[in-house]
């Protein structure tokens, strides 16, 4: 082999090795890009999964006749409203304190919703219902909803609402059926645990409101908790679609712009 031929052969080998390294590097970069896309998609779908699972649970529970217990005392089914009345956008939230999907939703969205409300960007209408009680013929959802309404009377709804979801028991345990446990949780909210609040919880002062709220939900056409509406638009209509706090903020800002037109 001539010297020129040997040099050409070595050059080809060097080029082949370089090309092989380039292909390996490109393959690694594609794999890493794929992993990044998957991580992003997983994060975006996490909330969608929560809403889907919650929908399956609520669909079973709401398959009953949808009637409330009128003997509980009756009364309006108006939501508990938190935030400035002048807020340009209204976020309606349908929740059950025993609903696991609702607790997961609150874990992911509580901070964002509270920030939007405190900034005056939204007012929040909480429709608190007791559909899980129907599943196991218990009283925890009703008792917790009543206690939350009692907290609203005292001016501590949001703080107590957040405590209830933060300490949600397993469905099989239903510790919310124990009113003493609800009072213990109230002690975590400074200023809430008063004789008036205790009487309200013990006497089930707002049980009638809970029954009416649950009855209204049964005939609303919404078949799952949590259900979210933004100025009437059902954000939970497609429970398989990605939905994140960032998406909620974007939708609130868009709705606020529309409200100003």
Protein backbone atom coordinates (compact mmCIF):
# COMPACT_ATOMS: atom_id res chain seq x y z
CA UNK A 1 0.00 0.00 0.00
CA UNK A 2 1.37 3.37 -0.96
CA UNK A 3 1.80 6.15 1.58
CA UNK A 4 -1.08 8.09 -0.07
CA UNK A 5 -3.36 5.07 0.12
CA UNK A 6 -2.51 4.55 3.77
CA UNK A 7 -3.24 8.20 4.57
CA UNK A 8 -6.59 8.01 2.76
CA UNK A 9 -7.49 4.83 4.66
CA UNK A 10 -6.59 6.41 8.00
CA UNK A 11 -8.61 9.49 7.09
CA UNK A 12 -11.65 7.38 6.29
CA UNK A 13 -11.30 5.50 9.58
CA UNK A 14 -11.00 8.75 11.49
CA UNK A 15 -14.04 10.11 9.66
CA UNK A 16 -16.00 6.94 10.40
CA UNK A 17 -15.15 7.18 14.10
CA UNK A 18 -16.14 10.84 14.14
CA UNK A 19 -19.42 10.08 12.38
CA UNK A 20 -20.11 7.27 14.85
CA UNK A 21 -19.51 9.62 17.78
CA UNK A 22 -21.76 12.23 16.18
CA UNK A 23 -24.52 9.65 15.71
CA UNK A 24 -24.23 8.51 19.33
CA UNK A 25 -24.32 12.12 20.54
CA UNK A 26 -27.36 12.88 18.36
CA UNK A 27 -29.14 9.76 19.64
CA UNK A 28 -28.46 10.79 23.23
CA UNK A 29 -29.74 14.31 22.59
CA UNK A 30 -32.93 12.93 21.03
CA UNK A 31 -33.45 10.59 23.99
CA UNK A 32 -32.96 13.45 26.47
CA UNK A 33 -35.39 15.66 24.52
CA UNK A 34 -37.92 12.84 24.59
CA UNK A 35 -37.47 12.44 28.36
CA UNK A 36 -37.99 16.20 28.85
CA UNK A 37 -41.18 16.13 26.78
CA UNK A 38 -42.44 13.18 28.79
CA UNK A 39 -41.73 14.93 32.09
CA UNK A 40 -43.58 18.03 30.90
CA UNK A 41 -46.51 15.97 29.67
CA UNK A 42 -46.65 13.99 32.91
CA UNK A 43 -46.80 17.19 34.95
CA UNK A 44 -49.52 18.65 32.75
CA UNK A 45 -51.58 15.47 32.85
CA UNK A 46 -51.32 15.03 36.61
CA UNK A 47 -54.24 17.35 37.31
CA UNK A 48 -56.20 15.92 34.41
CA UNK A 49 -55.73 12.51 36.02
CA UNK A 50 -57.04 13.86 39.31
CA UNK A 51 -60.13 15.24 37.64
CA UNK A 52 -60.69 12.03 35.69
CA UNK A 53 -60.43 9.87 38.79
CA UNK A 54 -62.69 12.23 40.69
CA UNK A 55 -65.18 12.10 37.85
CA UNK A 56 -65.33 8.32 38.03
CA UNK A 57 -66.03 8.47 41.75
CA UNK A 58 -68.66 11.19 41.50
CA UNK A 59 -70.37 9.53 38.56
CA UNK A 60 -70.99 6.50 40.76
CA UNK A 61 -72.17 8.57 43.70
CA UNK A 62 -74.38 10.85 41.64
CA UNK A 63 -76.14 7.95 39.94
CA UNK A 64 -78.75 8.06 42.71
CA UNK A 65 -81.99 9.98 42.50
CA UNK A 66 -80.28 13.31 43.27
CA UNK A 67 -82.77 14.23 45.96
CA UNK A 68 -81.63 16.11 49.03
CA UNK A 69 -82.83 15.51 52.57
CA UNK A 70 -85.48 18.18 53.02
CA UNK A 71 -85.88 17.17 56.66
CA UNK A 72 -82.42 18.64 57.32
CA UNK A 73 -83.99 22.07 57.53
CA UNK A 74 -84.18 23.35 53.96
CA UNK A 75 -82.78 26.73 53.00
CA UNK A 76 -81.13 28.29 49.99
CA UNK A 77 -78.33 26.53 48.14
CA UNK A 78 -76.37 29.73 47.56
CA UNK A 79 -72.60 29.18 47.49
CA UNK A 80 -70.11 30.48 50.02
CA UNK A 81 -68.40 33.42 48.32
CA UNK A 82 -64.86 34.49 49.13
CA UNK A 83 -63.16 37.52 47.60
CA UNK A 84 -64.04 41.04 46.51
CA UNK A 85 -67.44 41.54 44.96
CA UNK A 86 -65.78 43.89 42.49
CA UNK A 87 -63.54 41.12 41.12
CA UNK A 88 -63.95 40.92 37.32
CA UNK A 89 -64.11 37.12 37.21
CA UNK A 90 -66.03 34.50 39.17
CA UNK A 91 -64.58 31.05 39.77
CA UNK A 92 -67.17 28.50 40.87
CA UNK A 93 -65.86 25.41 42.63
CA UNK A 94 -67.95 22.33 43.44
CA UNK A 95 -66.31 20.25 46.16
CA UNK A 96 -66.93 17.55 48.73
CA UNK A 97 -64.61 17.51 51.75
CA UNK A 98 -64.43 13.70 51.58
CA UNK A 99 -63.70 13.56 47.85
CA UNK A 100 -60.07 12.39 47.32
CA UNK A 101 -59.92 14.09 43.92
CA UNK A 102 -60.97 17.37 45.55
CA UNK A 103 -58.14 17.09 48.09
CA UNK A 104 -55.63 16.46 45.29
CA UNK A 105 -57.04 19.39 43.35
CA UNK A 106 -56.71 21.66 46.39
CA UNK A 107 -53.16 20.49 46.94
CA UNK A 108 -52.24 21.56 43.43
CA UNK A 109 -54.38 24.69 43.03
CA UNK A 110 -54.96 26.12 46.53
CA UNK A 111 -52.00 28.51 46.42
CA UNK A 112 -52.89 29.82 42.95
CA UNK A 113 -56.59 30.30 43.73
CA UNK A 114 -55.86 32.06 47.01
CA UNK A 115 -53.34 34.37 45.30
CA UNK A 116 -55.81 35.24 42.53
CA UNK A 117 -58.53 35.92 45.10
CA UNK A 118 -56.31 38.02 47.37
CA UNK A 119 -55.16 40.06 44.35
CA UNK A 120 -58.78 40.88 43.54
CA UNK A 121 -58.63 39.05 40.21
CA UNK A 122 -61.35 36.54 41.06
CA UNK A 123 -64.06 35.95 43.59
CA UNK A 124 -64.64 32.30 44.40
CA UNK A 125 -68.05 30.69 44.81
CA UNK A 126 -67.70 27.47 46.80
CA UNK A 127 -70.54 25.01 46.26
CA UNK A 128 -69.91 22.53 49.06
CA UNK A 129 -71.76 19.24 48.61
CA UNK A 130 -72.11 15.91 50.41
CA UNK A 131 -72.17 13.28 47.70
CA UNK A 132 -69.62 10.88 49.18
CA UNK A 133 -71.87 10.33 52.20
CA UNK A 134 -74.33 8.64 49.86
CA UNK A 135 -71.73 6.12 48.83
CA UNK A 136 -71.30 4.68 52.32
CA UNK A 137 -74.33 6.09 54.13
CA UNK A 138 -72.11 8.17 56.41
CA UNK A 139 -72.22 11.78 57.62
CA UNK A 140 -68.67 13.08 57.29
CA UNK A 141 -69.23 15.15 54.16
CA UNK A 142 -72.30 16.78 55.69
CA UNK A 143 -70.63 17.44 59.03
CA UNK A 144 -67.54 18.94 57.40
CA UNK A 145 -69.60 21.11 55.06
CA UNK A 146 -71.69 22.35 57.97
CA UNK A 147 -68.53 23.11 59.96
CA UNK A 148 -67.12 25.03 56.98
CA UNK A 149 -70.30 27.10 56.83
CA UNK A 150 -69.95 27.75 60.55
CA UNK A 151 -66.40 28.93 59.87
CA UNK A 152 -67.80 31.28 57.21
CA UNK A 153 -70.13 32.74 59.85
CA UNK A 154 -67.06 33.45 61.98
CA UNK A 155 -65.04 34.88 59.09
CA UNK A 156 -62.56 32.02 58.79
CA UNK A 157 -63.90 29.96 55.89
CA UNK A 158 -60.82 29.86 53.66
CA UNK A 159 -58.42 28.94 56.45
CA UNK A 160 -60.70 26.19 57.78
CA UNK A 161 -61.55 24.96 54.28
CA UNK A 162 -57.83 24.53 53.62
CA UNK A 163 -57.32 22.72 56.94
CA UNK A 164 -60.12 20.26 56.19
CA UNK A 165 -58.61 19.28 52.86
CA UNK A 166 -55.09 19.20 54.29
CA UNK A 167 -56.27 16.69 56.91
CA UNK A 168 -58.71 14.72 54.79
CA UNK A 169 -58.97 11.17 56.16
CA UNK A 170 -59.19 8.05 54.06
CA UNK A 171 -62.69 7.47 52.78
CA UNK A 172 -62.89 4.18 54.64
CA UNK A 173 -62.27 5.95 57.96
CA UNK A 174 -64.50 9.04 57.62
CA UNK A 175 -63.16 10.81 60.67
CA UNK A 176 -65.21 13.85 59.64
CA UNK A 177 -68.25 11.98 60.94
CA UNK A 178 -66.82 12.75 64.39
CA UNK A 179 -67.67 16.34 65.20
CA UNK A 180 -65.06 16.38 67.95
CA UNK A 181 -62.42 15.82 65.28
CA UNK A 182 -63.79 18.76 63.28
CA UNK A 183 -63.51 20.93 66.38
CA UNK A 184 -59.92 19.78 66.91
CA UNK A 185 -59.06 20.89 63.38
CA UNK A 186 -60.67 24.26 64.11
CA UNK A 187 -58.10 24.80 66.87
CA UNK A 188 -55.49 25.03 64.10
CA UNK A 189 -57.16 28.22 62.84
CA UNK A 190 -56.43 31.03 65.26
CA UNK A 191 -59.61 32.71 66.48
CA UNK A 192 -62.07 30.14 65.12
CA UNK A 193 -62.55 27.81 68.09
CA UNK A 194 -65.18 29.73 70.03
CA UNK A 195 -68.35 28.67 71.89
CA UNK A 196 -70.47 30.01 69.03
CA UNK A 197 -68.55 27.96 66.47
CA UNK A 198 -68.73 24.84 68.64
CA UNK A 199 -72.50 25.20 69.04
CA UNK A 200 -72.90 25.69 65.29
CA UNK A 201 -70.94 22.49 64.58
CA UNK A 202 -72.59 20.41 67.29
CA UNK A 203 -76.12 21.49 66.38
CA UNK A 204 -75.66 21.07 62.63
CA UNK A 205 -76.89 24.62 62.09
CA UNK A 206 -76.23 24.54 58.34
CA UNK A 207 -77.18 20.93 57.61
CA UNK A 208 -80.21 22.17 55.69
CA UNK A 209 -78.02 24.35 53.50
CA UNK A 210 -75.72 21.38 52.83
CA UNK A 211 -78.71 19.25 51.79
CA UNK A 212 -79.99 21.96 49.45
CA UNK A 213 -76.54 22.52 47.95
CA UNK A 214 -76.18 18.79 47.32
CA UNK A 215 -79.64 18.62 45.81
CA UNK A 216 -78.88 21.53 43.48
CA UNK A 217 -75.66 19.85 42.37
CA UNK A 218 -77.56 16.64 41.62
CA UNK A 219 -79.79 18.48 39.17
CA UNK A 220 -77.11 20.80 37.75
CA UNK A 221 -75.88 18.50 35.02
CA UNK A 222 -72.39 18.39 36.54
CA UNK A 223 -71.63 14.83 37.49
CA UNK A 224 -68.29 15.05 39.29
CA UNK A 225 -66.34 16.81 41.98
CA UNK A 226 -64.27 18.82 41.72
CA UNK A 227 -66.03 20.81 39.01
CA UNK A 228 -64.75 24.28 38.07
CA UNK A 229 -66.56 27.03 36.21
CA UNK A 230 -65.00 30.31 35.14
CA UNK A 231 -67.71 32.87 34.48
CA UNK A 232 -69.96 29.95 33.61
CA UNK A 233 -67.46 28.16 31.34
CA UNK A 234 -67.02 24.57 32.49
CA UNK A 235 -63.27 24.10 32.86
CA UNK A 236 -63.83 20.47 33.86
CA UNK A 237 -65.84 19.47 30.80
CA UNK A 238 -62.91 17.54 29.31
CA UNK A 239 -61.35 15.71 32.22
CA UNK A 240 -58.66 14.14 30.04
CA UNK A 241 -57.24 17.50 28.91
CA UNK A 242 -54.14 18.86 30.68
CA UNK A 243 -55.05 21.51 33.23
CA UNK A 244 -52.48 23.25 35.42
CA UNK A 245 -52.39 26.28 37.74
CA UNK A 246 -50.64 28.17 34.93
CA UNK A 247 -53.51 27.39 32.57
CA UNK A 248 -56.00 28.61 35.19
CA UNK A 249 -54.10 31.90 35.60
CA UNK A 250 -54.06 32.38 31.83
CA UNK A 251 -57.79 31.75 31.57
CA UNK A 252 -58.52 34.16 34.43
CA UNK A 253 -56.48 36.88 32.73
CA UNK A 254 -58.27 36.29 29.42
CA UNK A 255 -61.67 36.40 31.13
CA UNK A 256 -60.73 39.61 32.94
CA UNK A 257 -59.82 41.25 29.62
CA UNK A 258 -63.17 40.19 28.16
CA UNK A 259 -64.98 41.58 31.19
CA UNK A 260 -63.41 45.00 30.62
CA UNK A 261 -64.59 45.27 27.02
